N, C-alpha and C. Protein backbone atom coordinates (compact mmCIF):
# COMPACT_ATOMS: atom_id res chain seq x y z
N UNK A 1 -1.23 18.18 16.49
CA UNK A 1 -1.49 16.74 16.20
C UNK A 1 -2.71 16.70 15.35
N UNK A 2 -2.52 15.81 14.31
CA UNK A 2 -3.50 15.65 13.20
C UNK A 2 -4.68 14.85 13.80
N UNK A 3 -5.88 15.04 13.20
CA UNK A 3 -7.00 14.18 13.40
C UNK A 3 -6.74 12.83 12.78
N UNK A 4 -7.21 11.68 13.30
CA UNK A 4 -6.93 10.45 12.87
C UNK A 4 -8.27 9.70 12.72
N UNK A 5 -8.33 8.85 11.66
CA UNK A 5 -9.47 7.99 11.49
C UNK A 5 -8.99 6.51 11.18
N UNK A 6 -9.68 5.62 11.81
CA UNK A 6 -9.46 4.18 11.52
C UNK A 6 -10.56 3.64 10.50
N UNK A 7 -10.07 3.03 9.37
CA UNK A 7 -11.12 2.62 8.52
C UNK A 7 -10.99 1.08 8.53
N UNK A 8 -12.29 0.42 8.74
CA UNK A 8 -12.35 -0.93 8.99
C UNK A 8 -12.97 -1.76 7.78
N UNK A 9 -12.30 -2.70 7.19
CA UNK A 9 -12.71 -3.37 6.02
C UNK A 9 -13.01 -4.76 6.14
N UNK A 10 -14.10 -5.30 5.92
CA UNK A 10 -14.49 -6.67 6.27
C UNK A 10 -14.07 -7.75 5.17
N UNK A 11 -14.23 -8.97 5.46
CA UNK A 11 -13.99 -9.97 4.42
C UNK A 11 -15.10 -10.47 3.68
N UNK A 12 -15.24 -11.66 3.17
CA UNK A 12 -16.41 -12.28 2.57
C UNK A 12 -17.54 -12.53 3.57
N UNK A 13 -18.70 -12.93 3.11
CA UNK A 13 -19.90 -13.34 3.92
C UNK A 13 -20.18 -12.40 5.00
N UNK A 14 -20.17 -11.05 4.76
CA UNK A 14 -20.40 -10.05 5.78
C UNK A 14 -21.52 -9.32 5.12
N UNK A 15 -22.73 -9.33 5.76
CA UNK A 15 -23.84 -8.52 5.42
C UNK A 15 -23.77 -7.10 5.84
N UNK A 16 -23.61 -6.15 4.92
CA UNK A 16 -23.42 -4.75 5.36
C UNK A 16 -24.66 -4.26 6.30
N UNK A 17 -24.13 -3.63 7.27
CA UNK A 17 -25.17 -3.17 8.31
C UNK A 17 -25.67 -4.04 9.33
N UNK A 18 -25.19 -5.30 9.30
CA UNK A 18 -25.52 -6.21 10.27
C UNK A 18 -24.92 -5.72 11.65
N UNK A 19 -25.71 -5.87 12.74
CA UNK A 19 -25.26 -5.39 14.13
C UNK A 19 -24.23 -6.30 14.58
N UNK A 20 -23.96 -7.55 14.12
CA UNK A 20 -23.05 -8.42 14.60
C UNK A 20 -21.64 -8.40 13.90
N UNK A 21 -21.66 -7.48 12.83
CA UNK A 21 -20.37 -7.41 12.08
C UNK A 21 -19.27 -6.75 13.04
N UNK A 22 -17.96 -7.32 12.89
CA UNK A 22 -16.89 -6.83 13.69
C UNK A 22 -16.67 -5.31 13.23
N UNK A 23 -16.92 -4.97 12.02
CA UNK A 23 -16.52 -3.69 11.54
C UNK A 23 -17.36 -2.59 12.33
N UNK A 24 -18.67 -2.83 12.45
CA UNK A 24 -19.57 -1.92 13.15
C UNK A 24 -19.13 -1.75 14.66
N UNK A 25 -18.79 -3.02 15.22
CA UNK A 25 -18.46 -2.90 16.69
C UNK A 25 -17.07 -2.16 16.84
N UNK A 26 -16.26 -2.30 15.84
CA UNK A 26 -14.85 -1.71 15.87
C UNK A 26 -15.00 -0.12 15.73
N UNK A 27 -16.02 0.29 14.85
CA UNK A 27 -16.23 1.82 14.92
C UNK A 27 -16.68 2.31 16.19
N UNK A 28 -17.67 1.67 16.81
CA UNK A 28 -18.19 1.97 18.13
C UNK A 28 -17.09 1.92 19.14
N UNK A 29 -16.40 0.80 19.13
CA UNK A 29 -15.21 0.70 20.09
C UNK A 29 -14.22 1.91 20.09
N UNK A 30 -13.86 2.21 18.76
CA UNK A 30 -12.96 3.28 18.60
C UNK A 30 -13.48 4.70 19.12
N UNK A 31 -14.75 4.87 18.88
CA UNK A 31 -15.29 6.16 19.44
C UNK A 31 -15.39 6.17 20.99
N UNK A 32 -15.57 5.11 21.49
CA UNK A 32 -15.74 5.00 23.04
C UNK A 32 -14.40 4.97 23.74
N UNK A 33 -13.46 4.29 23.19
CA UNK A 33 -12.19 4.22 23.81
C UNK A 33 -11.04 4.79 23.47
N UNK A 34 -11.05 5.75 22.32
CA UNK A 34 -10.02 6.41 21.90
C UNK A 34 -10.46 7.96 21.63
N UNK A 35 -9.56 8.93 21.41
CA UNK A 35 -9.91 10.28 20.95
C UNK A 35 -10.10 10.37 19.48
N UNK A 36 -9.97 9.30 18.77
CA UNK A 36 -10.08 9.26 17.22
C UNK A 36 -11.39 8.91 16.67
N UNK A 37 -11.59 8.91 15.43
CA UNK A 37 -12.77 8.69 14.69
C UNK A 37 -12.67 7.35 13.97
N UNK A 38 -13.70 6.72 13.44
CA UNK A 38 -13.70 5.59 12.63
C UNK A 38 -14.79 5.45 11.57
N UNK A 39 -14.47 4.70 10.53
CA UNK A 39 -15.40 4.39 9.50
C UNK A 39 -15.36 2.95 9.15
N UNK A 40 -16.36 2.34 8.50
CA UNK A 40 -16.38 1.11 8.11
C UNK A 40 -16.62 1.12 6.46
N UNK A 41 -15.98 0.34 5.81
CA UNK A 41 -16.20 0.26 4.33
C UNK A 41 -16.71 -1.30 4.12
N UNK A 42 -18.06 -1.51 4.17
CA UNK A 42 -18.54 -2.81 4.09
C UNK A 42 -19.04 -3.07 2.72
N UNK A 43 -19.18 -4.38 2.49
CA UNK A 43 -19.61 -4.96 1.25
C UNK A 43 -20.04 -6.51 1.37
N UNK A 44 -20.87 -7.04 0.44
CA UNK A 44 -21.17 -8.45 0.49
C UNK A 44 -20.56 -9.07 -0.67
N UNK A 45 -20.00 -10.15 -0.44
CA UNK A 45 -19.57 -11.01 -1.51
C UNK A 45 -19.36 -12.52 -1.01
N UNK A 46 -19.77 -13.49 -1.77
CA UNK A 46 -19.62 -14.87 -1.42
C UNK A 46 -18.10 -15.39 -1.73
N UNK A 47 -17.81 -16.52 -1.36
CA UNK A 47 -16.50 -17.09 -1.51
C UNK A 47 -16.15 -17.36 -3.03
N UNK A 48 -17.11 -17.85 -3.77
CA UNK A 48 -16.86 -18.15 -5.00
C UNK A 48 -17.16 -16.86 -5.97
N UNK A 49 -18.25 -16.17 -5.75
CA UNK A 49 -18.46 -15.00 -6.62
C UNK A 49 -17.42 -13.94 -6.68
N UNK A 50 -16.58 -13.93 -5.45
CA UNK A 50 -15.53 -12.96 -5.50
C UNK A 50 -14.60 -13.08 -6.69
N UNK A 51 -14.47 -14.32 -7.25
CA UNK A 51 -13.52 -14.62 -8.18
C UNK A 51 -14.04 -14.30 -9.81
N UNK A 52 -15.42 -14.20 -9.73
CA UNK A 52 -16.03 -14.19 -11.11
C UNK A 52 -16.76 -12.94 -11.46
N UNK A 53 -16.41 -11.84 -10.69
CA UNK A 53 -17.00 -10.51 -10.99
C UNK A 53 -16.07 -9.49 -10.90
N UNK A 54 -16.44 -8.31 -11.30
CA UNK A 54 -15.60 -7.15 -11.18
C UNK A 54 -15.73 -6.50 -9.84
N UNK A 55 -16.35 -7.03 -8.95
CA UNK A 55 -16.66 -6.43 -7.71
C UNK A 55 -15.49 -6.13 -6.80
N UNK A 56 -14.42 -6.88 -6.97
CA UNK A 56 -13.29 -6.59 -6.12
C UNK A 56 -12.63 -5.13 -6.57
N UNK A 57 -12.74 -4.84 -7.65
CA UNK A 57 -12.27 -3.44 -8.13
C UNK A 57 -13.25 -2.44 -7.53
N UNK A 58 -14.45 -2.65 -7.70
CA UNK A 58 -15.60 -1.66 -7.02
C UNK A 58 -15.38 -1.64 -5.59
N UNK A 59 -14.98 -2.76 -4.92
CA UNK A 59 -14.84 -2.62 -3.40
C UNK A 59 -13.52 -1.80 -3.10
N UNK A 60 -12.54 -1.92 -3.92
CA UNK A 60 -11.34 -1.14 -3.73
C UNK A 60 -11.53 0.30 -3.96
N UNK A 61 -12.52 0.53 -4.98
CA UNK A 61 -12.80 1.89 -5.46
C UNK A 61 -13.61 2.61 -4.33
N UNK A 62 -14.42 1.85 -3.66
CA UNK A 62 -15.22 2.35 -2.51
C UNK A 62 -14.31 2.76 -1.40
N UNK A 63 -13.31 1.93 -1.04
CA UNK A 63 -12.26 2.27 -0.10
C UNK A 63 -11.54 3.42 -0.40
N UNK A 64 -11.01 3.44 -1.77
CA UNK A 64 -10.10 4.65 -2.15
C UNK A 64 -10.76 5.90 -2.08
N UNK A 65 -12.04 5.87 -2.48
CA UNK A 65 -12.87 7.23 -2.34
C UNK A 65 -13.00 7.73 -0.76
N UNK A 66 -13.13 6.65 0.13
CA UNK A 66 -13.13 7.22 1.55
C UNK A 66 -11.77 7.71 1.98
N UNK A 67 -10.69 6.98 1.43
CA UNK A 67 -9.33 7.41 1.84
C UNK A 67 -9.11 8.75 1.45
N UNK A 68 -9.49 9.04 -0.01
CA UNK A 68 -9.23 10.39 -0.54
C UNK A 68 -10.05 11.49 0.19
N UNK A 69 -11.18 11.21 0.69
CA UNK A 69 -12.02 12.05 1.44
C UNK A 69 -11.31 12.54 2.63
N UNK A 70 -10.84 11.64 3.41
CA UNK A 70 -10.07 12.09 4.66
C UNK A 70 -8.63 12.68 4.31
N UNK A 71 -7.84 12.12 3.36
CA UNK A 71 -6.59 12.57 3.09
C UNK A 71 -6.67 14.04 2.53
N UNK A 72 -7.72 14.26 1.79
CA UNK A 72 -7.92 15.70 1.24
C UNK A 72 -8.06 16.78 2.33
N UNK A 73 -8.50 16.22 3.42
CA UNK A 73 -8.84 17.18 4.60
C UNK A 73 -7.79 17.08 5.54
N UNK A 74 -6.63 16.45 5.15
CA UNK A 74 -5.34 16.29 6.01
C UNK A 74 -5.54 15.45 7.34
N UNK A 75 -6.26 14.41 7.17
CA UNK A 75 -6.44 13.41 8.28
C UNK A 75 -5.42 12.36 8.24
N UNK A 76 -4.90 11.85 9.39
CA UNK A 76 -4.08 10.54 9.32
C UNK A 76 -5.10 9.46 9.26
N UNK A 77 -4.64 8.50 8.49
CA UNK A 77 -5.50 7.20 8.24
C UNK A 77 -4.92 6.05 8.62
N UNK A 78 -5.65 5.01 9.45
CA UNK A 78 -5.13 3.68 9.63
C UNK A 78 -6.08 2.86 9.05
N UNK A 79 -5.63 1.93 8.32
CA UNK A 79 -6.51 0.89 7.61
C UNK A 79 -6.42 -0.47 8.33
N UNK A 80 -7.61 -1.04 8.48
CA UNK A 80 -7.59 -2.28 9.34
C UNK A 80 -8.53 -3.21 8.41
N UNK A 81 -7.98 -4.40 8.11
CA UNK A 81 -8.74 -5.29 7.26
C UNK A 81 -8.84 -6.81 7.83
N UNK A 82 -9.86 -7.45 7.55
CA UNK A 82 -9.89 -8.89 7.97
C UNK A 82 -10.02 -9.78 6.60
N UNK A 83 -9.29 -10.77 6.47
CA UNK A 83 -9.41 -11.72 5.42
C UNK A 83 -9.42 -11.10 4.02
N UNK A 84 -10.44 -11.05 3.29
CA UNK A 84 -10.45 -10.47 1.92
C UNK A 84 -10.26 -9.01 1.97
N UNK A 85 -10.43 -8.41 3.09
CA UNK A 85 -10.32 -6.96 3.40
C UNK A 85 -8.88 -6.63 3.11
N UNK A 86 -7.97 -7.61 3.27
CA UNK A 86 -6.47 -7.32 2.93
C UNK A 86 -6.24 -7.03 1.49
N UNK A 87 -7.05 -7.84 0.75
CA UNK A 87 -6.93 -7.75 -0.86
C UNK A 87 -7.58 -6.32 -1.24
N UNK A 88 -8.67 -6.03 -0.65
CA UNK A 88 -9.31 -4.75 -0.85
C UNK A 88 -8.36 -3.48 -0.56
N UNK A 89 -7.76 -3.58 0.48
CA UNK A 89 -6.86 -2.64 0.97
C UNK A 89 -5.63 -2.59 -0.02
N UNK A 90 -5.08 -3.53 -0.35
CA UNK A 90 -4.03 -3.64 -1.35
C UNK A 90 -4.35 -3.09 -2.67
N UNK A 91 -5.49 -3.50 -3.22
CA UNK A 91 -6.07 -3.04 -4.46
C UNK A 91 -6.30 -1.56 -4.46
N UNK A 92 -6.77 -1.00 -3.28
CA UNK A 92 -7.19 0.43 -3.22
C UNK A 92 -5.86 1.18 -3.31
N UNK A 93 -4.73 0.75 -3.10
CA UNK A 93 -3.43 1.49 -3.24
C UNK A 93 -3.18 1.91 -4.54
N UNK A 94 -3.55 1.24 -5.54
CA UNK A 94 -3.48 1.43 -6.94
C UNK A 94 -4.39 2.54 -7.45
N UNK A 95 -5.47 2.84 -6.65
CA UNK A 95 -6.41 3.79 -7.19
C UNK A 95 -6.35 5.17 -6.27
N UNK A 96 -5.38 5.23 -5.40
CA UNK A 96 -5.30 6.49 -4.55
C UNK A 96 -4.05 7.15 -5.00
N UNK A 97 -4.07 8.34 -5.41
CA UNK A 97 -2.85 9.25 -5.89
C UNK A 97 -1.73 9.18 -4.66
N UNK A 98 -0.57 9.31 -4.99
CA UNK A 98 0.59 9.30 -4.08
C UNK A 98 0.49 10.12 -2.93
N UNK A 99 -0.07 11.42 -3.24
CA UNK A 99 -0.12 12.45 -2.40
C UNK A 99 -1.18 12.05 -1.17
N UNK A 100 -2.17 11.27 -1.54
CA UNK A 100 -3.22 10.95 -0.61
C UNK A 100 -2.78 9.52 0.06
N UNK A 101 -1.97 8.76 -0.63
CA UNK A 101 -1.48 7.54 -0.08
C UNK A 101 -0.64 7.85 1.25
N UNK A 102 0.08 9.02 1.18
CA UNK A 102 0.85 9.39 2.20
C UNK A 102 0.16 9.59 3.54
N UNK A 103 -1.11 9.86 3.40
CA UNK A 103 -1.84 10.02 4.75
C UNK A 103 -2.16 8.66 5.52
N UNK A 104 -1.85 7.55 4.84
CA UNK A 104 -2.04 6.37 5.60
C UNK A 104 -0.81 6.03 6.29
N UNK A 105 -0.96 5.97 7.61
CA UNK A 105 0.18 5.90 8.62
C UNK A 105 0.43 4.40 9.17
N UNK A 106 -0.56 3.67 8.96
CA UNK A 106 -0.45 2.17 9.28
C UNK A 106 -1.45 1.34 8.64
N UNK A 107 -1.10 0.17 8.47
CA UNK A 107 -2.08 -0.91 7.87
C UNK A 107 -1.89 -2.09 8.96
N UNK A 108 -3.13 -2.60 9.35
CA UNK A 108 -3.33 -3.85 10.22
C UNK A 108 -4.18 -4.87 9.50
N UNK A 109 -3.70 -6.11 9.32
CA UNK A 109 -4.41 -7.09 8.63
C UNK A 109 -4.49 -8.21 9.53
N UNK A 110 -5.84 -8.68 9.72
CA UNK A 110 -6.12 -9.87 10.46
C UNK A 110 -6.47 -11.03 9.54
N UNK A 111 -5.80 -12.19 9.75
CA UNK A 111 -6.04 -13.32 8.95
C UNK A 111 -6.24 -13.08 7.36
N UNK A 112 -5.15 -12.42 6.85
CA UNK A 112 -5.16 -11.87 5.51
C UNK A 112 -5.22 -12.83 4.44
N UNK A 113 -6.29 -12.87 3.76
CA UNK A 113 -6.51 -13.80 2.63
C UNK A 113 -5.93 -13.18 1.31
N UNK A 114 -4.69 -12.80 1.49
CA UNK A 114 -4.03 -12.14 0.24
C UNK A 114 -2.77 -12.80 -0.03
N UNK A 115 -2.26 -12.59 -1.25
CA UNK A 115 -1.01 -13.14 -1.81
C UNK A 115 0.10 -12.84 -0.81
N UNK A 116 1.07 -13.67 -0.49
CA UNK A 116 2.17 -13.18 0.39
C UNK A 116 3.25 -12.29 -0.25
N UNK A 117 3.04 -11.95 -1.55
CA UNK A 117 3.93 -10.99 -2.21
C UNK A 117 3.42 -9.60 -2.01
N UNK A 118 4.12 -8.75 -1.11
CA UNK A 118 3.51 -7.50 -0.90
C UNK A 118 3.59 -6.66 -2.24
N UNK A 119 4.50 -6.81 -3.11
CA UNK A 119 4.57 -6.09 -4.35
C UNK A 119 3.37 -6.30 -5.22
N UNK A 120 2.91 -7.56 -5.28
CA UNK A 120 1.92 -8.05 -6.21
C UNK A 120 0.61 -7.61 -5.53
N UNK A 121 0.40 -7.63 -4.29
CA UNK A 121 -0.97 -7.43 -3.62
C UNK A 121 -1.02 -5.71 -3.46
N UNK A 122 0.04 -5.04 -3.49
CA UNK A 122 -0.09 -3.59 -3.47
C UNK A 122 0.23 -2.92 -2.06
N UNK A 123 0.65 -3.89 -1.12
CA UNK A 123 0.77 -3.29 0.27
C UNK A 123 2.02 -2.39 0.46
N UNK A 124 3.06 -2.56 -0.54
CA UNK A 124 4.14 -1.70 -0.49
C UNK A 124 3.80 -0.29 -0.83
N UNK A 125 2.70 -0.15 -1.69
CA UNK A 125 2.48 1.26 -2.24
C UNK A 125 2.00 2.11 -1.13
N UNK A 126 1.52 1.69 0.05
CA UNK A 126 1.12 2.56 1.19
C UNK A 126 2.25 3.17 1.69
N UNK A 127 3.34 2.59 1.70
CA UNK A 127 4.59 3.10 2.36
C UNK A 127 4.39 3.41 3.71
N UNK A 128 3.61 2.40 4.42
CA UNK A 128 3.27 2.54 5.90
C UNK A 128 3.59 1.18 6.52
N UNK A 129 3.89 1.34 7.88
CA UNK A 129 4.18 -0.08 8.58
C UNK A 129 2.86 -0.94 8.39
N UNK A 130 3.19 -2.26 8.29
CA UNK A 130 2.11 -3.19 8.18
C UNK A 130 2.31 -4.19 9.38
N UNK A 131 1.13 -4.45 10.08
CA UNK A 131 1.06 -5.52 11.14
C UNK A 131 0.13 -6.66 10.51
N UNK A 132 0.74 -7.82 10.65
CA UNK A 132 -0.05 -9.05 10.32
C UNK A 132 -0.47 -9.73 11.54
N UNK A 133 -1.76 -10.12 11.59
CA UNK A 133 -2.15 -11.01 12.80
C UNK A 133 -2.48 -12.25 12.23
N UNK A 134 -1.57 -13.29 12.51
CA UNK A 134 -1.69 -14.61 11.95
C UNK A 134 -2.09 -15.64 12.96
N UNK A 135 -3.02 -16.56 12.48
CA UNK A 135 -3.53 -17.65 13.31
C UNK A 135 -2.91 -18.98 12.79
N UNK A 136 -2.54 -19.86 13.88
CA UNK A 136 -2.11 -21.17 13.44
C UNK A 136 -3.14 -22.25 13.15
N UNK A 137 -4.29 -22.10 13.56
CA UNK A 137 -5.47 -23.02 13.24
C UNK A 137 -6.48 -22.42 12.18
N UNK A 138 -6.12 -21.73 11.41
CA UNK A 138 -6.94 -20.96 10.48
C UNK A 138 -7.37 -21.86 9.24
N UNK A 139 -8.39 -22.52 9.32
CA UNK A 139 -8.86 -23.43 8.29
C UNK A 139 -9.03 -22.76 6.93
N UNK A 140 -9.77 -21.52 7.06
CA UNK A 140 -10.09 -20.84 5.89
C UNK A 140 -8.73 -20.43 5.08
N UNK A 141 -7.76 -20.03 5.73
CA UNK A 141 -6.56 -19.59 5.02
C UNK A 141 -5.63 -20.96 4.62
N UNK A 142 -5.86 -22.01 5.28
CA UNK A 142 -5.25 -23.29 4.82
C UNK A 142 -5.82 -23.46 3.47
N UNK A 143 -7.12 -23.34 3.26
CA UNK A 143 -7.74 -23.36 1.93
C UNK A 143 -7.34 -22.31 0.96
N UNK A 144 -7.26 -21.04 1.37
CA UNK A 144 -6.95 -19.90 0.63
C UNK A 144 -5.52 -20.10 0.14
N UNK A 145 -4.55 -20.67 0.94
CA UNK A 145 -3.12 -20.71 0.53
C UNK A 145 -3.00 -21.96 -0.44
N UNK A 146 -3.94 -22.84 -0.49
CA UNK A 146 -3.80 -24.05 -1.35
C UNK A 146 -4.75 -23.78 -2.50
N UNK A 147 -5.87 -24.58 -2.54
CA UNK A 147 -6.75 -24.58 -3.63
C UNK A 147 -7.42 -23.12 -3.88
N UNK A 148 -7.55 -22.45 -2.80
CA UNK A 148 -8.23 -21.13 -2.91
C UNK A 148 -7.38 -20.10 -3.85
N UNK A 149 -6.11 -20.41 -4.16
CA UNK A 149 -5.46 -19.46 -4.97
C UNK A 149 -6.04 -19.36 -6.36
N UNK A 150 -6.77 -20.48 -6.88
CA UNK A 150 -7.51 -20.42 -8.06
C UNK A 150 -8.45 -19.32 -8.05
N UNK A 151 -8.99 -19.01 -6.95
CA UNK A 151 -10.20 -18.08 -6.79
C UNK A 151 -9.55 -16.75 -6.54
N UNK A 152 -8.25 -16.57 -6.42
CA UNK A 152 -7.69 -15.31 -6.16
C UNK A 152 -7.25 -15.00 -4.70
N UNK A 153 -7.48 -15.92 -3.82
CA UNK A 153 -7.10 -15.79 -2.49
C UNK A 153 -5.71 -16.06 -2.32
N UNK A 154 -5.11 -15.98 -1.09
CA UNK A 154 -3.77 -16.28 -0.68
C UNK A 154 -3.68 -16.37 0.80
N UNK A 155 -2.67 -16.95 1.21
CA UNK A 155 -2.44 -17.31 2.77
C UNK A 155 -1.59 -16.43 3.46
N UNK A 156 -1.47 -15.09 3.12
CA UNK A 156 -0.58 -14.16 3.81
C UNK A 156 -0.61 -14.25 5.32
N UNK A 157 -2.00 -14.38 5.80
CA UNK A 157 -2.21 -14.21 7.24
C UNK A 157 -2.06 -15.64 7.87
N UNK A 158 -1.56 -16.71 7.39
CA UNK A 158 -1.39 -17.94 7.94
C UNK A 158 -0.11 -18.10 8.60
N UNK A 159 -0.03 -18.58 9.89
CA UNK A 159 1.29 -18.84 10.47
C UNK A 159 2.10 -19.79 9.56
N UNK A 160 3.44 -19.51 9.45
CA UNK A 160 4.29 -20.29 8.69
C UNK A 160 4.51 -19.87 7.27
N UNK A 161 3.59 -18.96 6.80
CA UNK A 161 3.64 -18.42 5.43
C UNK A 161 4.68 -17.05 5.50
N UNK A 162 5.60 -17.09 4.64
CA UNK A 162 6.56 -16.05 4.79
C UNK A 162 6.28 -14.89 3.67
N UNK A 163 6.03 -13.69 4.19
CA UNK A 163 5.80 -12.60 3.20
C UNK A 163 6.92 -12.22 2.36
N UNK A 164 6.66 -11.95 1.01
CA UNK A 164 7.84 -11.73 0.13
C UNK A 164 7.82 -10.25 -0.43
N UNK A 165 8.96 -9.93 -0.92
CA UNK A 165 9.13 -8.52 -1.45
C UNK A 165 8.62 -7.40 -0.48
N UNK A 166 8.93 -7.44 0.82
CA UNK A 166 8.37 -6.52 1.66
C UNK A 166 9.33 -5.37 1.69
N UNK A 167 8.77 -4.17 1.42
CA UNK A 167 9.50 -2.97 1.25
C UNK A 167 9.15 -1.91 2.39
N UNK A 168 8.42 -2.48 3.31
CA UNK A 168 7.83 -1.51 4.39
C UNK A 168 8.15 -2.07 5.76
N UNK A 169 8.08 -1.37 6.72
CA UNK A 169 8.22 -2.08 8.09
C UNK A 169 7.13 -3.05 8.42
N UNK A 170 7.51 -4.15 8.87
CA UNK A 170 6.63 -5.30 9.04
C UNK A 170 6.70 -5.79 10.48
N UNK A 171 5.52 -6.05 11.10
CA UNK A 171 5.39 -6.59 12.36
C UNK A 171 4.35 -7.76 12.30
N UNK A 172 4.69 -8.85 12.81
CA UNK A 172 3.92 -10.00 12.75
C UNK A 172 3.60 -10.60 14.15
N UNK A 173 2.28 -10.75 14.42
CA UNK A 173 1.61 -11.22 15.63
C UNK A 173 1.15 -12.64 15.36
N UNK A 174 1.86 -13.68 15.93
CA UNK A 174 1.32 -15.06 15.71
C UNK A 174 0.54 -15.57 16.96
N UNK A 175 -0.52 -16.22 16.68
CA UNK A 175 -1.23 -16.83 17.74
C UNK A 175 -1.53 -18.22 17.26
N UNK A 176 -0.90 -19.30 17.84
CA UNK A 176 -0.94 -20.69 17.25
C UNK A 176 -2.23 -21.38 17.36
N UNK A 177 -3.03 -20.83 18.38
CA UNK A 177 -4.40 -21.46 18.62
C UNK A 177 -5.53 -20.74 17.98
N UNK A 178 -5.38 -19.63 17.13
CA UNK A 178 -6.37 -18.90 16.58
C UNK A 178 -6.78 -19.31 15.32
N UNK A 179 -8.22 -19.37 15.03
CA UNK A 179 -8.67 -19.64 13.82
C UNK A 179 -9.01 -18.40 13.05
N UNK A 180 -9.84 -18.51 11.96
CA UNK A 180 -9.92 -17.27 11.07
C UNK A 180 -10.67 -16.11 11.77
N UNK A 181 -11.66 -16.41 12.59
CA UNK A 181 -12.40 -15.35 13.20
C UNK A 181 -12.20 -15.06 14.65
N UNK A 182 -11.20 -15.86 15.15
CA UNK A 182 -10.91 -15.67 16.73
C UNK A 182 -10.52 -14.36 17.08
N UNK A 183 -9.98 -13.53 16.24
CA UNK A 183 -9.46 -12.05 16.59
C UNK A 183 -10.65 -11.33 17.10
N UNK A 184 -11.70 -11.47 16.49
CA UNK A 184 -12.97 -10.59 16.81
C UNK A 184 -14.00 -11.36 17.61
N UNK A 185 -13.63 -12.48 18.17
CA UNK A 185 -14.56 -13.13 19.16
C UNK A 185 -14.71 -12.21 20.40
N UNK A 186 -15.85 -12.61 21.16
CA UNK A 186 -16.03 -11.81 22.27
C UNK A 186 -14.93 -11.85 23.24
N UNK A 187 -14.11 -12.86 23.44
CA UNK A 187 -13.03 -12.97 24.27
C UNK A 187 -11.84 -12.17 23.87
N UNK A 188 -11.63 -12.07 22.51
CA UNK A 188 -10.49 -11.46 22.03
C UNK A 188 -10.69 -10.05 21.48
N UNK A 189 -11.86 -9.61 21.27
CA UNK A 189 -12.13 -8.39 20.61
C UNK A 189 -11.44 -7.12 21.20
N UNK A 190 -11.55 -6.96 22.48
CA UNK A 190 -10.81 -5.81 23.10
C UNK A 190 -9.36 -5.79 22.94
N UNK A 191 -8.75 -7.06 22.95
CA UNK A 191 -7.28 -7.15 22.85
C UNK A 191 -6.89 -6.83 21.42
N UNK A 192 -7.73 -7.31 20.49
CA UNK A 192 -7.48 -6.93 19.06
C UNK A 192 -7.50 -5.42 18.77
N UNK A 193 -8.52 -4.92 19.30
CA UNK A 193 -8.74 -3.42 19.22
C UNK A 193 -7.73 -2.58 19.79
N UNK A 194 -7.30 -3.04 20.97
CA UNK A 194 -6.22 -2.23 21.73
C UNK A 194 -4.82 -2.36 20.81
N UNK A 195 -4.60 -3.59 20.29
CA UNK A 195 -3.48 -3.63 19.50
C UNK A 195 -3.48 -2.82 18.21
N UNK A 196 -4.65 -2.60 17.77
CA UNK A 196 -4.70 -1.78 16.43
C UNK A 196 -4.66 -0.32 16.98
N UNK A 197 -5.25 0.11 17.98
CA UNK A 197 -5.33 1.63 18.23
C UNK A 197 -4.21 1.90 19.34
N UNK A 198 -3.27 1.21 19.61
CA UNK A 198 -2.28 1.56 20.57
C UNK A 198 -1.43 2.63 20.17
């Protein structure tokens, strides 16, 4: 059995290293509750500045470098992203050579603020099953799916939005009463982590 690492990627407005970040909690939870390992790829970006700098490519490059490190050592990799993290994960697929992309065995996206077109966003390139965790009361994604598209966002993780050009196995978990961050609230955190690591 191969070693496995979970790599957690945050969305916007997340201060790297903050003890309240879901990514840090997810790393600790993985180490405490599973036999696997975990990493976090954190970054800071605001909702507007994301669209007007080249940082998105740098963020994807940071993730790609982490993926290559583990893939080169023959580890299985599970990618988990929230909100803009879905875009970072999709963009990273273009920066990782095919032989290393094969190490990614699953992708989990919570409240994905990405374009619904899997081909366009790069999710098909992982050639791994994708699970979308979608909320029905997600105000941030309502904006992202509408006016937010001008800023490069999308509403992939919004209930009622249909993914397009999907060429990988797809599982969708819908929660009609969930907002953008409900998945990682104190009440739901363990359930979300169990869903990712099951």
